[in-house]
C-alpha atoms as a PDB file:
ATOM      1  CA  MET A   1       4.555 -49.923 -54.129  1.00  0.00           C
ATOM      2  CA  SER A   2       7.563 -51.819 -55.870  1.00  0.00           C
ATOM      3  CA  TYR A   3      11.194 -50.372 -55.981  1.00  0.00           C
ATOM      4  CA  ARG A   4      14.304 -51.112 -58.208  1.00  0.00           C
ATOM      5  CA  TYR A   5      17.438 -51.386 -57.071  1.00  0.00           C
ATOM      6  CA  TRP A   6      20.914 -50.975 -58.794  1.00  0.00           C
ATOM      7  CA  PHE A   7      24.808 -52.466 -58.077  1.00  0.00           C
ATOM      8  CA  ILE A   8      27.195 -49.880 -59.302  1.00  0.00           C
ATOM      9  CA  THR A   9      30.731 -50.056 -59.546  1.00  0.00           C
ATOM     10  CA  PRO A  10      33.248 -48.393 -62.387  1.00  0.00           C
ATOM     11  CA  HIS A  11      32.779 -51.774 -64.310  1.00  0.00           C
ATOM     12  CA  VAL A  12      29.144 -53.419 -63.404  1.00  0.00           C
ATOM     13  CA  GLU A  13      25.775 -51.837 -63.600  1.00  0.00           C
ATOM     14  CA  CYS A  14      23.034 -54.328 -63.312  1.00  0.00           C
ATOM     15  CA  ALA A  15      19.896 -54.519 -61.155  1.00  0.00           C
ATOM     16  CA  ILE A  16      19.928 -56.544 -57.526  1.00  0.00           C
ATOM     17  CA  HIS A  17      16.930 -58.998 -57.011  1.00  0.00           C
ATOM     18  CA  SER A  18      17.403 -59.756 -53.352  1.00  0.00           C
ATOM     19  CA  LEU A  19      18.659 -57.723 -50.467  1.00  0.00           C
ATOM     20  CA  SER A  20      18.333 -60.629 -48.127  1.00  0.00           C
ATOM     21  CA  GLU A  21      21.497 -62.300 -46.441  1.00  0.00           C
ATOM     22  CA  HIS A  22      23.553 -62.449 -49.416  1.00  0.00           C
ATOM     23  CA  ILE A  23      22.941 -59.783 -52.290  1.00  0.00           C
ATOM     24  CA  VAL A  24      21.712 -61.644 -55.274  1.00  0.00           C
ATOM     25  CA  ILE A  25      22.531 -59.517 -58.633  1.00  0.00           C
ATOM     26  CA  GLU A  26      21.201 -60.127 -62.312  1.00  0.00           C
ATOM     27  CA  LYS A  27      23.477 -62.600 -64.194  1.00  0.00           C
ATOM     28  CA  GLY A  28      26.470 -62.824 -61.539  1.00  0.00           C
ATOM     29  CA  THR A  29      27.771 -63.177 -58.207  1.00  0.00           C
ATOM     30  CA  ILE A  30      29.104 -61.125 -55.497  1.00  0.00           C
ATOM     31  CA  GLU A  31      31.892 -62.510 -52.571  1.00  0.00           C
ATOM     32  CA  PHE A  32      32.783 -60.974 -49.860  1.00  0.00           C
ATOM     33  CA  GLU A  33      36.161 -61.988 -49.051  1.00  0.00           C
ATOM     34  CA  GLN A  34      38.287 -60.590 -45.739  1.00  0.00           C
ATOM     35  CA  ASN A  35      40.107 -57.633 -47.544  1.00  0.00           C
ATOM     36  CA  GLU A  36      38.046 -57.296 -50.815  1.00  0.00           C
ATOM     37  CA  MET A  37      34.847 -57.925 -53.047  1.00  0.00           C
ATOM     38  CA  ILE A  38      34.739 -59.754 -55.944  1.00  0.00           C
ATOM     39  CA  VAL A  39      32.130 -59.391 -58.722  1.00  0.00           C
ATOM     40  CA  THR A  40      31.774 -61.671 -61.060  1.00  0.00           C
ATOM     41  CA  VAL A  41      29.482 -61.209 -64.358  1.00  0.00           C
ATOM     42  CA  GLY A  42      29.398 -63.784 -67.230  1.00  0.00           C
ATOM     43  CA  ASN A  43      32.733 -64.244 -68.050  1.00  0.00           C
ATOM     44  CA  GLU A  44      34.190 -61.170 -66.136  1.00  0.00           C
ATOM     45  CA  ARG A  45      35.369 -60.746 -62.730  1.00  0.00           C
ATOM     46  CA  PHE A  46      36.059 -57.692 -60.916  1.00  0.00           C
ATOM     47  CA  SER A  47      37.840 -57.159 -57.431  1.00  0.00           C
ATOM     48  CA  TYR A  48      37.486 -54.477 -55.437  1.00  0.00           C
ATOM     49  CA  ASN A  49      39.640 -53.667 -52.136  1.00  0.00           C
ATOM     50  CA  TYR A  50      37.669 -52.447 -48.986  1.00  0.00           C
ATOM     51  CA  GLU A  51      40.723 -49.671 -48.276  1.00  0.00           C
END
């Protein structure tokens, strides 16, 4: 059986390609900083504070 996972935020909705050591999303990147997560998809960049 094959599963498909999605990464969804208020600004981004895309397929997750890998849930290994790093999360790999379709056409983008996720960076985990000390106090925020930065999501880049195409030319757009969104940051989400952990608090």
